[in-house]
Amino acid sequence: MYLSHYHLEKEPFKNGPDPAFLWRGGKHGEAIATLREGILERDGCVLLIGDIGTGKTILMRHFVAQENVAAIPLALPDADLNVLDFYRWLADEFEMGRGADNRAGFITRLKRLPQDSFAACRKVLILIEDAQQLNPAVLAEAAALCDFESAGRKRLKTVFVAPLEFDEMLRQGANRAVLAAITTRCRLEPLAEEETAHYIAHRLKAAGAGAQIFGVDAVHEVFVLSKGVPRLINLVCDHALLYGYSGDLRVIDAGVVRDCRRDLAVALGLEEGSPA
């Protein structure tokens, strides 16, 4: 709706894991470097944690798109997955057919696959999103897959992606072995105010902006409302652009961002009448 008004080619703050909009600076740049080392250079499992909306999914999609790896994503609809279901799912993903009903059976069948199934990729990622939903038995099986070797190389890499509370779950007795198997830990934090400014500028540039659209005071208000969480930054900025468009404004100021607050109070977790 507002694209032509601001001379944009596409929506700059559309929420979704689009690697084209990934900001590679600050905390996100550090996280990418940590993931690259952990996945490509180290043995063991990788853990990526962060609050909802900090950018875990887009970060992983960027990594898979940029690096010579294959990813098998497992998104869990519920917590009922058992060990048998887990290996049946893996067997389906590797197109093994029936018969891989446990780790030993899966590994045996995996070794029989043509070696060129792995030759084109540096790693094959078992990418488990919402890992906090897995029970301890399945977590342990997923972690053990990092020990699989093919042609003298460890090609499988389990990556757990989860919210912050998963870290505490791993410290419970039933998950201690999984905790020990994790050799690379990456934690995404909300952005600082300066990072928020760079993040907004990056997404606008990626969308085709040729001029500054958010003033310095507007960026400050965005940071205050979003607390530096990328998903909320996107939400606030998108609404601010709509407000600016309806008011025939070319530059968004702090007043426009504050006007969005009432409409976004629920999404931002603000109580009515409370200060931002």
C-alpha atoms as a PDB file:
ATOM      1  CA  MET A   1       0.000   0.000   0.000  1.00  0.00           C
ATOM      2  CA  TYR A   2       2.711   2.479   0.962  1.00  0.00           C
ATOM      3  CA  LEU A   3       5.533   1.241  -1.276  1.00  0.00           C
ATOM      4  CA  SER A   4       5.243   3.838  -4.032  1.00  0.00           C
ATOM      5  CA  HIS A   5       4.736   6.607  -1.459  1.00  0.00           C
ATOM      6  CA  TYR A   6       8.184   5.936   0.038  1.00  0.00           C
ATOM      7  CA  HIS A   7       9.740   4.769  -3.253  1.00  0.00           C
ATOM      8  CA  LEU A   8      10.250   1.238  -1.984  1.00  0.00           C
ATOM      9  CA  GLU A   9      10.483  -1.936  -4.049  1.00  0.00           C
ATOM     10  CA  LYS A  10       9.139  -4.288  -1.372  1.00  0.00           C
ATOM     11  CA  GLU A  11       7.892  -4.251   2.183  1.00  0.00           C
ATOM     12  CA  PRO A  12      10.905  -3.586   4.427  1.00  0.00           C
ATOM     13  CA  PHE A  13       9.423  -4.765   7.713  1.00  0.00           C
ATOM     14  CA  LYS A  14       7.365  -7.774   6.732  1.00  0.00           C
ATOM     15  CA  ASN A  15       7.823 -10.382   9.431  1.00  0.00           C
ATOM     16  CA  GLY A  16       9.089 -13.665   8.079  1.00  0.00           C
ATOM     17  CA  PRO A  17      12.371 -15.587   7.812  1.00  0.00           C
ATOM     18  CA  ASP A  18      13.572 -13.946   4.573  1.00  0.00           C
ATOM     19  CA  PRO A  19      17.404 -14.176   4.493  1.00  0.00           C
ATOM     20  CA  ALA A  20      17.527 -11.212   2.076  1.00  0.00           C
ATOM     21  CA  PHE A  21      16.626  -8.921   4.984  1.00  0.00           C
ATOM     22  CA  LEU A  22      19.001 -10.426   7.528  1.00  0.00           C
ATOM     23  CA  TRP A  23      21.100  -7.782   9.251  1.00  0.00           C
ATOM     24  CA  ARG A  24      24.632  -9.126   9.678  1.00  0.00           C
ATOM     25  CA  GLY A  25      25.953  -6.534  12.111  1.00  0.00           C
ATOM     26  CA  GLY A  26      26.245  -6.411  15.887  1.00  0.00           C
ATOM     27  CA  LYS A  27      24.913  -9.397  17.810  1.00  0.00           C
ATOM     28  CA  HIS A  28      23.583 -11.055  14.674  1.00  0.00           C
ATOM     29  CA  GLY A  29      26.965 -10.886  12.961  1.00  0.00           C
ATOM     30  CA  GLU A  30      28.625 -12.411  16.008  1.00  0.00           C
ATOM     31  CA  ALA A  31      26.005 -15.158  16.088  1.00  0.00           C
ATOM     32  CA  ILE A  32      26.595 -16.009  12.411  1.00  0.00           C
ATOM     33  CA  ALA A  33      30.320 -16.332  13.050  1.00  0.00           C
ATOM     34  CA  THR A  34      29.713 -18.558  16.079  1.00  0.00           C
ATOM     35  CA  LEU A  35      27.320 -20.785  14.120  1.00  0.00           C
ATOM     36  CA  ARG A  36      29.761 -21.105  11.238  1.00  0.00           C
ATOM     37  CA  GLU A  37      32.583 -22.237  13.517  1.00  0.00           C
ATOM     38  CA  GLY A  38      30.374 -24.586  15.529  1.00  0.00           C
ATOM     39  CA  ILE A  39      28.748 -26.232  12.532  1.00  0.00           C
ATOM     40  CA  LEU A  40      31.662 -26.436  10.127  1.00  0.00           C
ATOM     41  CA  GLU A  41      34.719 -26.704  12.370  1.00  0.00           C
ATOM     42  CA  ARG A  42      33.761 -28.338  15.664  1.00  0.00           C
ATOM     43  CA  ASP A  43      32.414 -31.735  16.651  1.00  0.00           C
ATOM     44  CA  GLY A  44      29.316 -31.996  18.823  1.00  0.00           C
ATOM     45  CA  CYS A  45      25.898 -30.380  18.795  1.00  0.00           C
ATOM     46  CA  VAL A  46      25.005 -26.714  18.352  1.00  0.00           C
ATOM     47  CA  LEU A  47      22.524 -24.760  20.472  1.00  0.00           C
ATOM     48  CA  LEU A  48      20.861 -21.542  19.274  1.00  0.00           C
ATOM     49  CA  ILE A  49      18.623 -19.911  21.865  1.00  0.00           C
ATOM     50  CA  GLY A  50      16.853 -16.600  22.180  1.00  0.00           C
ATOM     51  CA  ASP A  51      13.539 -15.021  23.090  1.00  0.00           C
ATOM     52  CA  ILE A  52      10.659 -15.181  20.618  1.00  0.00           C
ATOM     53  CA  GLY A  53      11.237 -12.679  17.838  1.00  0.00           C
ATOM     54  CA  THR A  54      14.992 -12.263  18.197  1.00  0.00           C
ATOM     55  CA  GLY A  55      15.648 -13.789  14.760  1.00  0.00           C
ATOM     56  CA  LYS A  56      16.640 -17.434  15.317  1.00  0.00           C
ATOM     57  CA  THR A  57      14.812 -18.830  12.287  1.00  0.00           C
ATOM     58  CA  ILE A  58      15.979 -16.190   9.820  1.00  0.00           C
ATOM     59  CA  LEU A  59      19.539 -16.623  11.085  1.00  0.00           C
ATOM     60  CA  MET A  60      19.488 -20.361  10.443  1.00  0.00           C
ATOM     61  CA  ARG A  61      17.910 -19.954   6.999  1.00  0.00           C
ATOM     62  CA  HIS A  62      20.598 -17.451   6.086  1.00  0.00           C
ATOM     63  CA  PHE A  63      23.317 -19.843   7.202  1.00  0.00           C
ATOM     64  CA  VAL A  64      21.883 -22.740   5.206  1.00  0.00           C
ATOM     65  CA  ALA A  65      21.469 -20.532   2.126  1.00  0.00           C
ATOM     66  CA  GLN A  66      25.020 -19.170   2.289  1.00  0.00           C
ATOM     67  CA  GLU A  67      27.038 -22.200   3.353  1.00  0.00           C
ATOM     68  CA  ASN A  68      27.529 -25.512   1.564  1.00  0.00           C
ATOM     69  CA  VAL A  69      25.279 -27.468   3.906  1.00  0.00           C
ATOM     70  CA  ALA A  70      22.005 -29.355   3.645  1.00  0.00           C
ATOM     71  CA  ALA A  71      19.325 -28.881   6.278  1.00  0.00           C
ATOM     72  CA  ILE A  72      16.617 -31.282   7.371  1.00  0.00           C
ATOM     73  CA  PRO A  73      14.249 -29.143   9.476  1.00  0.00           C
ATOM     74  CA  LEU A  74      12.087 -30.694  12.174  1.00  0.00           C
ATOM     75  CA  ALA A  75       9.337 -28.393  13.434  1.00  0.00           C
ATOM     76  CA  LEU A  76       7.393 -30.079  16.226  1.00  0.00           C
ATOM     77  CA  PRO A  77       3.614 -29.599  16.299  1.00  0.00           C
ATOM     78  CA  ASP A  78       3.359 -31.090  19.794  1.00  0.00           C
ATOM     79  CA  ALA A  79       5.329 -32.871  22.476  1.00  0.00           C
ATOM     80  CA  ASP A  80       4.184 -36.418  21.601  1.00  0.00           C
ATOM     81  CA  LEU A  81       7.108 -37.366  19.345  1.00  0.00           C
ATOM     82  CA  ASN A  82       8.776 -40.552  20.593  1.00  0.00           C
ATOM     83  CA  VAL A  83      12.070 -42.156  19.616  1.00  0.00           C
ATOM     84  CA  LEU A  84      10.440 -44.458  17.068  1.00  0.00           C
ATOM     85  CA  ASP A  85       8.618 -41.527  15.423  1.00  0.00           C
ATOM     86  CA  PHE A  86      11.850 -39.544  15.378  1.00  0.00           C
ATOM     87  CA  TYR A  87      13.787 -42.183  13.446  1.00  0.00           C
ATOM     88  CA  ARG A  88      10.888 -42.886  11.132  1.00  0.00           C
ATOM     89  CA  TRP A  89      10.799 -39.160  10.338  1.00  0.00           C
ATOM     90  CA  LEU A  90      14.554 -39.150   9.653  1.00  0.00           C
ATOM     91  CA  ALA A  91      14.264 -42.250   7.476  1.00  0.00           C
ATOM     92  CA  ASP A  92      11.563 -40.523   5.420  1.00  0.00           C
ATOM     93  CA  GLU A  93      13.697 -37.396   5.036  1.00  0.00           C
ATOM     94  CA  PHE A  94      16.652 -39.478   3.852  1.00  0.00           C
ATOM     95  CA  GLU A  95      14.321 -41.481   1.583  1.00  0.00           C
ATOM     96  CA  MET A  96      15.325 -44.761   3.180  1.00  0.00           C
ATOM     97  CA  GLY A  97      11.893 -46.332   3.199  1.00  0.00           C
ATOM     98  CA  ARG A  98      10.736 -48.481   6.116  1.00  0.00           C
ATOM     99  CA  GLY A  99      12.943 -50.334   8.559  1.00  0.00           C
ATOM    100  CA  ALA A 100      14.812 -47.597  10.455  1.00  0.00           C
ATOM    101  CA  ASP A 101      12.974 -47.966  13.741  1.00  0.00           C
ATOM    102  CA  ASN A 102      15.852 -47.139  16.098  1.00  0.00           C
ATOM    103  CA  ARG A 103      19.252 -45.463  16.045  1.00  0.00           C
ATOM    104  CA  ALA A 104      21.148 -48.637  15.146  1.00  0.00           C
ATOM    105  CA  GLY A 105      18.776 -49.398  12.284  1.00  0.00           C
ATOM    106  CA  PHE A 106      18.874 -45.823  11.056  1.00  0.00           C
ATOM    107  CA  ILE A 107      22.687 -45.664  11.127  1.00  0.00           C
ATOM    108  CA  THR A 108      22.966 -49.030   9.374  1.00  0.00           C
ATOM    109  CA  ARG A 109      20.675 -47.904   6.577  1.00  0.00           C
ATOM    110  CA  LEU A 110      22.345 -44.487   6.416  1.00  0.00           C
ATOM    111  CA  LYS A 111      25.733 -46.131   5.824  1.00  0.00           C
ATOM    112  CA  ARG A 112      24.257 -47.974   2.857  1.00  0.00           C
ATOM    113  CA  LEU A 113      23.241 -44.790   1.106  1.00  0.00           C
ATOM    114  CA  PRO A 114      25.456 -43.818  -1.861  1.00  0.00           C
ATOM    115  CA  GLN A 115      28.410 -41.768  -0.668  1.00  0.00           C
ATOM    116  CA  ASP A 116      27.574 -39.027  -3.159  1.00  0.00           C
ATOM    117  CA  SER A 117      24.460 -38.349  -1.076  1.00  0.00           C
ATOM    118  CA  PHE A 118      26.823 -36.478   1.242  1.00  0.00           C
ATOM    119  CA  ALA A 119      29.637 -35.544  -1.122  1.00  0.00           C
ATOM    120  CA  ALA A 120      28.151 -32.257  -2.278  1.00  0.00           C
ATOM    121  CA  CYS A 121      27.613 -30.933   1.261  1.00  0.00           C
ATOM    122  CA  ARG A 122      30.064 -30.070   3.993  1.00  0.00           C
ATOM    123  CA  LYS A 123      27.461 -30.956   6.624  1.00  0.00           C
ATOM    124  CA  VAL A 124      23.946 -32.309   6.847  1.00  0.00           C
ATOM    125  CA  LEU A 125      22.068 -30.442   9.569  1.00  0.00           C
ATOM    126  CA  ILE A 126      19.371 -32.077  11.653  1.00  0.00           C
ATOM    127  CA  LEU A 127      17.705 -28.760  12.441  1.00  0.00           C
ATOM    128  CA  ILE A 128      15.310 -29.054  15.369  1.00  0.00           C
ATOM    129  CA  GLU A 129      13.170 -25.977  15.986  1.00  0.00           C
ATOM    130  CA  ASP A 130      11.196 -25.640  19.225  1.00  0.00           C
ATOM    131  CA  ALA A 131      13.573 -28.163  20.765  1.00  0.00           C
ATOM    132  CA  GLN A 132      12.068 -27.488  24.200  1.00  0.00           C
ATOM    133  CA  GLN A 133       9.140 -29.694  23.143  1.00  0.00           C
ATOM    134  CA  LEU A 134      11.282 -32.819  22.817  1.00  0.00           C
ATOM    135  CA  ASN A 135      11.257 -35.329  25.655  1.00  0.00           C
ATOM    136  CA  PRO A 136      14.626 -36.352  27.167  1.00  0.00           C
ATOM    137  CA  ALA A 137      14.773 -39.663  25.279  1.00  0.00           C
ATOM    138  CA  VAL A 138      14.385 -38.013  21.856  1.00  0.00           C
ATOM    139  CA  LEU A 139      16.760 -35.206  22.804  1.00  0.00           C
ATOM    140  CA  ALA A 140      19.408 -37.785  23.660  1.00  0.00           C
ATOM    141  CA  GLU A 141      18.900 -39.624  20.347  1.00  0.00           C
ATOM    142  CA  ALA A 142      19.121 -36.384  18.377  1.00  0.00           C
ATOM    143  CA  ALA A 143      22.328 -35.398  20.148  1.00  0.00           C
ATOM    144  CA  ALA A 144      23.924 -38.813  19.527  1.00  0.00           C
ATOM    145  CA  LEU A 145      23.605 -38.384  15.755  1.00  0.00           C
ATOM    146  CA  CYS A 146      26.576 -35.991  15.800  1.00  0.00           C
ATOM    147  CA  ASP A 147      28.827 -39.034  16.317  1.00  0.00           C
ATOM    148  CA  PHE A 148      27.894 -40.603  12.969  1.00  0.00           C
ATOM    149  CA  GLU A 149      30.833 -40.872  10.542  1.00  0.00           C
ATOM    150  CA  SER A 150      30.774 -41.332   6.788  1.00  0.00           C
ATOM    151  CA  ALA A 151      33.999 -41.933   4.872  1.00  0.00           C
ATOM    152  CA  GLY A 152      35.961 -40.948   7.969  1.00  0.00           C
ATOM    153  CA  ARG A 153      34.128 -37.646   8.430  1.00  0.00           C
ATOM    154  CA  LYS A 154      31.399 -36.576  10.806  1.00  0.00           C
ATOM    155  CA  ARG A 155      28.792 -35.273   8.384  1.00  0.00           C
ATOM    156  CA  LEU A 156      25.680 -35.052  10.572  1.00  0.00           C
ATOM    157  CA  LYS A 157      25.264 -32.061  12.854  1.00  0.00           C
ATOM    158  CA  THR A 158      22.332 -31.631  15.236  1.00  0.00           C
ATOM    159  CA  VAL A 159      21.282 -28.013  15.780  1.00  0.00           C
ATOM    160  CA  PHE A 160      18.813 -27.290  18.584  1.00  0.00           C
ATOM    161  CA  VAL A 161      16.859 -24.036  18.169  1.00  0.00           C
ATOM    162  CA  ALA A 162      14.793 -23.005  21.163  1.00  0.00           C
ATOM    163  CA  PRO A 163      13.735 -20.204  23.538  1.00  0.00           C
ATOM    164  CA  LEU A 164      15.819 -19.252  26.545  1.00  0.00           C
ATOM    165  CA  GLU A 165      14.077 -21.636  28.952  1.00  0.00           C
ATOM    166  CA  PHE A 166      15.509 -24.594  27.030  1.00  0.00           C
ATOM    167  CA  ASP A 167      18.888 -23.822  28.565  1.00  0.00           C
ATOM    168  CA  GLU A 168      17.448 -24.456  32.019  1.00  0.00           C
ATOM    169  CA  MET A 169      15.796 -27.672  30.810  1.00  0.00           C
ATOM    170  CA  LEU A 170      19.173 -28.990  29.702  1.00  0.00           C
ATOM    171  CA  ARG A 171      20.533 -28.590  33.224  1.00  0.00           C
ATOM    172  CA  GLN A 172      17.995 -31.030  34.601  1.00  0.00           C
ATOM    173  CA  GLY A 173      19.283 -34.494  35.434  1.00  0.00           C
ATOM    174  CA  ALA A 174      17.569 -36.296  32.557  1.00  0.00           C
ATOM    175  CA  ASN A 175      19.206 -33.999  29.998  1.00  0.00           C
ATOM    176  CA  ARG A 176      22.747 -33.762  31.378  1.00  0.00           C
ATOM    177  CA  ALA A 177      24.170 -35.996  28.632  1.00  0.00           C
ATOM    178  CA  VAL A 178      22.648 -33.733  25.979  1.00  0.00           C
ATOM    179  CA  LEU A 179      24.091 -30.700  27.710  1.00  0.00           C
ATOM    180  CA  ALA A 180      27.536 -32.318  27.592  1.00  0.00           C
ATOM    181  CA  ALA A 181      27.138 -33.044  23.870  1.00  0.00           C
ATOM    182  CA  ILE A 182      26.603 -29.364  23.031  1.00  0.00           C
ATOM    183  CA  THR A 183      29.960 -27.861  22.105  1.00  0.00           C
ATOM    184  CA  THR A 184      28.750 -24.593  20.559  1.00  0.00           C
ATOM    185  CA  ARG A 185      26.275 -22.250  22.218  1.00  0.00           C
ATOM    186  CA  CYS A 186      24.820 -19.187  20.549  1.00  0.00           C
ATOM    187  CA  ARG A 187      22.427 -16.839  22.359  1.00  0.00           C
ATOM    188  CA  LEU A 188      20.550 -14.098  20.501  1.00  0.00           C
ATOM    189  CA  GLU A 189      19.821 -11.030  22.601  1.00  0.00           C
ATOM    190  CA  PRO A 190      17.574  -8.050  21.788  1.00  0.00           C
ATOM    191  CA  LEU A 191      19.328  -5.230  19.952  1.00  0.00           C
ATOM    192  CA  ALA A 192      20.758  -2.160  21.640  1.00  0.00           C
ATOM    193  CA  GLU A 193      19.474   1.257  20.495  1.00  0.00           C
ATOM    194  CA  GLU A 194      22.386   1.859  18.120  1.00  0.00           C
ATOM    195  CA  GLU A 195      21.939  -1.634  16.674  1.00  0.00           C
ATOM    196  CA  THR A 196      18.233  -0.918  16.245  1.00  0.00           C
ATOM    197  CA  ALA A 197      19.089   2.140  14.147  1.00  0.00           C
ATOM    198  CA  HIS A 198      21.412   0.088  11.919  1.00  0.00           C
ATOM    199  CA  TYR A 199      18.831  -2.694  11.674  1.00  0.00           C
ATOM    200  CA  ILE A 200      16.100  -0.294  10.508  1.00  0.00           C
ATOM    201  CA  ALA A 201      18.432   1.378   8.002  1.00  0.00           C
ATOM    202  CA  HIS A 202      19.542  -1.992   6.623  1.00  0.00           C
ATOM    203  CA  ARG A 203      16.018  -3.256   6.028  1.00  0.00           C
ATOM    204  CA  LEU A 204      14.970  -0.018   4.360  1.00  0.00           C
ATOM    205  CA  LYS A 205      17.994  -0.135   2.074  1.00  0.00           C
ATOM    206  CA  ALA A 206      17.302  -3.785   1.227  1.00  0.00           C
ATOM    207  CA  ALA A 207      13.770  -2.747   0.271  1.00  0.00           C
ATOM    208  CA  GLY A 208      15.081  -0.102  -2.132  1.00  0.00           C
ATOM    209  CA  ALA A 209      14.932   3.065  -0.030  1.00  0.00           C
ATOM    210  CA  GLY A 210      17.086   5.839  -1.447  1.00  0.00           C
ATOM    211  CA  ALA A 211      16.567   8.356   1.352  1.00  0.00           C
ATOM    212  CA  GLN A 212      16.265   8.369   5.128  1.00  0.00           C
ATOM    213  CA  ILE A 213      12.695   7.634   6.173  1.00  0.00           C
ATOM    214  CA  PHE A 214      12.945   7.286   9.967  1.00  0.00           C
ATOM    215  CA  GLY A 215      14.320  10.248  11.874  1.00  0.00           C
ATOM    216  CA  VAL A 216      16.669   9.798  14.830  1.00  0.00           C
ATOM    217  CA  ASP A 217      13.875  10.599  17.298  1.00  0.00           C
ATOM    218  CA  ALA A 218      11.606   8.067  15.582  1.00  0.00           C
ATOM    219  CA  VAL A 219      14.253   5.351  15.871  1.00  0.00           C
ATOM    220  CA  HIS A 220      14.524   6.072  19.588  1.00  0.00           C
ATOM    221  CA  GLU A 221      10.764   5.636  19.998  1.00  0.00           C
ATOM    222  CA  VAL A 222      10.856   2.402  18.015  1.00  0.00           C
ATOM    223  CA  PHE A 223      13.560   1.098  20.338  1.00  0.00           C
ATOM    224  CA  VAL A 224      11.564   2.102  23.431  1.00  0.00           C
ATOM    225  CA  LEU A 225       8.416   0.353  22.223  1.00  0.00           C
ATOM    226  CA  SER A 226      10.102  -2.770  20.827  1.00  0.00           C
ATOM    227  CA  LYS A 227      12.813  -3.133  23.489  1.00  0.00           C
ATOM    228  CA  GLY A 228      15.140  -4.077  20.649  1.00  0.00           C
ATOM    229  CA  VAL A 229      13.338  -7.293  19.660  1.00  0.00           C
ATOM    230  CA  PRO A 230      13.595  -7.553  15.845  1.00  0.00           C
ATOM    231  CA  ARG A 231      10.107  -8.967  15.332  1.00  0.00           C
ATOM    232  CA  LEU A 232       8.619  -6.083  17.332  1.00  0.00           C
ATOM    233  CA  ILE A 233      10.845  -3.546  15.574  1.00  0.00           C
ATOM    234  CA  ASN A 234       9.345  -4.780  12.309  1.00  0.00           C
ATOM    235  CA  LEU A 235       5.828  -4.508  13.701  1.00  0.00           C
ATOM    236  CA  VAL A 236       6.268  -0.944  14.970  1.00  0.00           C
ATOM    237  CA  CYS A 237       8.066   0.283  11.848  1.00  0.00           C
ATOM    238  CA  ASP A 238       5.494  -1.226   9.507  1.00  0.00           C
ATOM    239  CA  HIS A 239       2.661   0.497  11.367  1.00  0.00           C
ATOM    240  CA  ALA A 240       4.596   3.766  11.455  1.00  0.00           C
ATOM    241  CA  LEU A 241       4.989   3.654   7.668  1.00  0.00           C
ATOM    242  CA  LEU A 242       1.239   3.088   7.307  1.00  0.00           C
ATOM    243  CA  TYR A 243       0.512   6.024   9.629  1.00  0.00           C
ATOM    244  CA  GLY A 244       2.972   8.183   7.731  1.00  0.00           C
ATOM    245  CA  TYR A 245       1.400   7.202   4.419  1.00  0.00           C
ATOM    246  CA  SER A 246      -2.089   8.048   5.645  1.00  0.00           C
ATOM    247  CA  GLY A 247      -0.779  11.444   6.776  1.00  0.00           C
ATOM    248  CA  ASP A 248       1.105  12.028   3.497  1.00  0.00           C
ATOM    249  CA  LEU A 249       4.433  12.162   5.355  1.00  0.00           C
ATOM    250  CA  ARG A 250       7.752  11.311   3.716  1.00  0.00           C
ATOM    251  CA  VAL A 251       9.741  11.158   6.954  1.00  0.00           C
ATOM    252  CA  ILE A 252       8.607   9.354  10.108  1.00  0.00           C
ATOM    253  CA  ASP A 253       9.120  11.274  13.350  1.00  0.00           C
ATOM    254  CA  ALA A 254       8.718  10.293  17.002  1.00  0.00           C
ATOM    255  CA  GLY A 255       5.121  11.503  17.083  1.00  0.00           C
ATOM    256  CA  VAL A 256       4.100   9.080  14.355  1.00  0.00           C
ATOM    257  CA  VAL A 257       5.685   6.159  16.206  1.00  0.00           C
ATOM    258  CA  ARG A 258       3.973   7.166  19.451  1.00  0.00           C
ATOM    259  CA  ASP A 259       0.635   7.285  17.606  1.00  0.00           C
ATOM    260  CA  CYS A 260       1.071   3.584  16.825  1.00  0.00           C
ATOM    261  CA  ARG A 261       1.316   2.671  20.480  1.00  0.00           C
ATOM    262  CA  ARG A 262      -2.402   2.291  21.208  1.00  0.00           C
ATOM    263  CA  ASP A 263      -3.025  -0.008  18.246  1.00  0.00           C
ATOM    264  CA  LEU A 264      -0.026  -2.148  19.136  1.00  0.00           C
ATOM    265  CA  ALA A 265      -0.417  -2.221  22.922  1.00  0.00           C
ATOM    266  CA  VAL A 266      -1.471  -5.882  23.043  1.00  0.00           C
ATOM    267  CA  ALA A 267       1.180  -7.094  20.599  1.00  0.00           C
ATOM    268  CA  LEU A 268       3.874  -5.171  22.467  1.00  0.00           C
ATOM    269  CA  GLY A 269       2.747  -6.422  25.861  1.00  0.00           C
ATOM    270  CA  LEU A 270       1.796  -2.951  27.095  1.00  0.00           C
ATOM    271  CA  GLU A 271      -1.027  -2.371  29.509  1.00  0.00           C
ATOM    272  CA  GLU A 272      -3.472   0.338  28.528  1.00  0.00           C
ATOM    273  CA  GLY A 273      -2.435   3.610  30.074  1.00  0.00           C
ATOM    274  CA  SER A 274       1.028   2.393  31.070  1.00  0.00           C
ATOM    275  CA  PRO A 275       4.109   4.297  29.948  1.00  0.00           C
ATOM    276  CA  ALA A 276       6.161   2.827  27.127  1.00  0.00           C
END
